[in-house]
Protein backbone atom coordinates (compact mmCIF):
# COMPACT_ATOMS: atom_id res chain seq x y z
CA MET A 1 35.30 -10.04 17.29
CA PRO A 2 35.80 -9.43 21.02
CA TYR A 3 34.49 -6.29 22.65
CA GLN A 4 37.18 -3.62 22.62
CA GLY A 5 35.44 -0.70 24.25
CA ILE A 6 33.67 2.37 22.93
CA TYR A 7 36.90 4.05 21.85
CA TYR A 8 37.46 1.32 19.28
CA TYR A 9 34.15 2.16 17.61
CA ARG A 10 34.82 5.88 17.76
CA LEU A 11 38.12 5.44 15.99
CA ASN A 12 36.62 3.20 13.33
CA ARG A 13 33.79 5.41 12.10
CA PHE A 14 34.56 4.43 8.54
CA ASP A 15 33.69 0.83 9.38
CA MET A 16 30.29 2.05 10.51
CA PHE A 17 29.79 3.87 7.20
CA LYS A 18 30.87 0.77 5.26
CA SER A 19 28.41 -1.29 7.26
CA LEU A 20 25.64 1.26 6.68
CA LYS A 21 26.40 1.31 2.96
CA ALA A 22 26.28 -2.50 2.83
CA PHE A 23 22.93 -2.45 4.63
CA LEU A 24 21.43 0.22 2.37
CA LEU A 25 22.63 -1.42 -0.82
CA ARG A 26 21.36 -4.83 0.18
CA GLY A 27 18.58 -6.14 -2.04
CA ASP A 28 15.87 -5.93 0.62
CA ALA A 29 16.44 -2.29 1.46
CA LEU A 30 16.64 -1.27 -2.20
CA ALA A 31 13.48 -3.18 -3.08
CA LEU A 32 11.66 -1.56 -0.17
CA ALA A 33 12.85 1.90 -1.19
CA VAL A 34 11.75 1.35 -4.79
CA GLY A 35 8.38 0.06 -3.57
CA VAL A 36 7.83 3.12 -1.41
CA VAL A 37 8.72 5.53 -4.23
CA ILE A 38 6.57 3.71 -6.78
CA GLY A 39 3.73 3.48 -4.24
CA GLY A 40 3.88 7.23 -3.68
CA ALA A 41 3.76 7.92 -7.39
CA PHE A 42 0.94 5.42 -7.86
CA ASN A 43 -0.95 7.11 -5.02
CA ASN A 44 -0.90 10.35 -7.01
CA ILE A 45 -2.38 8.60 -10.03
CA ILE A 46 -5.21 7.00 -8.06
CA THR A 47 -5.93 10.19 -6.11
CA ALA A 48 -6.15 12.22 -9.31
CA LEU A 49 -8.39 9.59 -10.89
CA VAL A 50 -10.76 9.66 -7.92
CA GLU A 51 -10.78 13.45 -7.44
CA LYS A 52 -10.90 14.49 -11.08
CA PHE A 53 -12.95 11.70 -12.63
CA PHE A 54 -15.02 9.61 -10.24
CA SER A 55 -16.02 12.29 -7.72
CA PRO A 56 -17.40 14.73 -10.35
CA LEU A 57 -19.09 11.83 -12.14
CA ILE A 58 -20.82 10.62 -8.98
CA GLY A 59 -21.61 14.23 -8.00
CA ALA A 60 -23.28 14.78 -11.39
CA LEU A 61 -25.25 11.54 -11.06
CA LEU A 62 -26.43 12.43 -7.54
CA GLY A 63 -27.22 16.03 -8.42
CA GLY A 64 -24.24 17.59 -6.66
CA LEU A 65 -24.89 15.87 -3.32
CA ASP A 66 -21.98 16.42 -0.91
CA PHE A 67 -22.04 14.71 2.48
CA SER A 68 -18.87 16.32 3.86
CA THR A 69 -20.69 19.26 5.46
CA SER A 70 -23.62 17.28 6.90
CA VAL A 71 -23.88 17.38 10.69
CA PHE A 72 -26.43 16.71 13.38
CA THR A 73 -26.53 18.25 16.82
CA LEU A 74 -26.72 16.16 19.96
CA ALA A 75 -26.87 17.97 23.30
CA GLY A 76 -25.39 21.10 21.73
CA VAL A 77 -22.48 19.26 20.11
CA ALA A 78 -22.25 19.14 16.30
CA ILE A 79 -21.41 15.62 15.09
CA GLY A 80 -20.10 15.56 11.53
CA TRP A 81 -21.51 12.32 10.24
CA GLY A 82 -21.19 13.55 6.67
CA ALA A 83 -17.38 13.58 6.79
CA ILE A 84 -17.42 9.90 7.75
CA VAL A 85 -19.82 9.02 4.94
CA GLN A 86 -17.70 11.03 2.47
CA ALA A 87 -14.53 9.24 3.67
CA VAL A 88 -16.19 5.84 3.16
CA ILE A 89 -17.32 6.85 -0.33
CA ASN A 90 -13.79 8.08 -1.16
CA PHE A 91 -12.34 4.82 0.18
CA LEU A 92 -14.67 2.78 -2.02
CA MET A 93 -13.83 4.92 -5.05
CA VAL A 94 -10.09 4.48 -4.44
CA GLY A 95 -10.52 0.73 -4.06
CA ILE A 96 -12.59 0.46 -7.24
CA SER A 97 -10.12 2.67 -9.13
CA LEU A 98 -7.17 0.59 -8.01
CA TYR A 99 -8.93 -2.64 -8.94
CA LEU A 100 -9.89 -1.34 -12.39
CA PHE A 101 -6.39 0.06 -12.96
CA LEU A 102 -4.81 -3.31 -12.16
CA ARG A 103 -7.34 -5.10 -14.39
CA ILE A 104 -6.48 -2.75 -17.27
CA LEU A 105 -2.79 -3.51 -16.77
CA GLY A 106 -3.62 -7.20 -17.06
CA LYS A 107 -2.98 -8.16 -13.46
CA ASN A 108 -5.85 -9.85 -11.68
CA PRO A 109 -5.65 -8.87 -8.00
CA ASN A 110 -7.66 -11.96 -7.04
CA GLU A 111 -5.44 -14.37 -8.93
CA ALA A 112 -3.00 -16.41 -6.88
CA PRO A 113 0.60 -16.46 -8.07
CA PRO A 114 1.68 -19.66 -9.82
CA PRO A 115 3.20 -22.24 -7.49
CA THR A 116 6.96 -22.52 -7.30
CA PRO A 117 8.62 -25.76 -8.45
CA THR A 118 9.13 -26.71 -4.79
CA GLU A 119 5.46 -26.18 -4.01
CA SER A 120 4.46 -28.23 -7.06
CA LEU A 121 6.72 -31.07 -5.96
CA LEU A 122 5.38 -30.97 -2.42
CA THR A 123 1.81 -31.01 -3.76
CA GLU A 124 2.58 -34.09 -5.85
CA ILE A 125 4.16 -35.82 -2.84
CA ARG A 126 1.13 -34.96 -0.69
CA ASP A 127 -1.23 -36.33 -3.33
CA LEU A 128 0.78 -39.55 -3.60
CA LEU A 129 0.77 -40.00 0.16
CA LYS A 130 -3.02 -39.61 0.26
CA LYS A 131 -3.42 -42.67 -2.01
């Protein structure tokens, strides 16, 4: 379509909305939107599991030890090293929780997906060419 000036696009706003609708209803955009929503909901599950189960359990095992308020002073400046340690511990607990949750669901996060028929065929061809 040749360029017809800005007035053409202003008059055809409905074409823009049709184009936007086509873009939003395309499979990629819908799959991404569903992934974001499911990821947000899954984040709530993992966060609750870490905060309500693992953190109290580890706190009870360590005698209520909490690193988040630990600081040391260097040249009159308080450096909160405990917040970093607590963040690393929380990160590890989230990672472990996610791994265990996926294992319970029967999905091995370390397992590679099965090869597609095209990949299988290419592997066979490669093996035959090696001989």
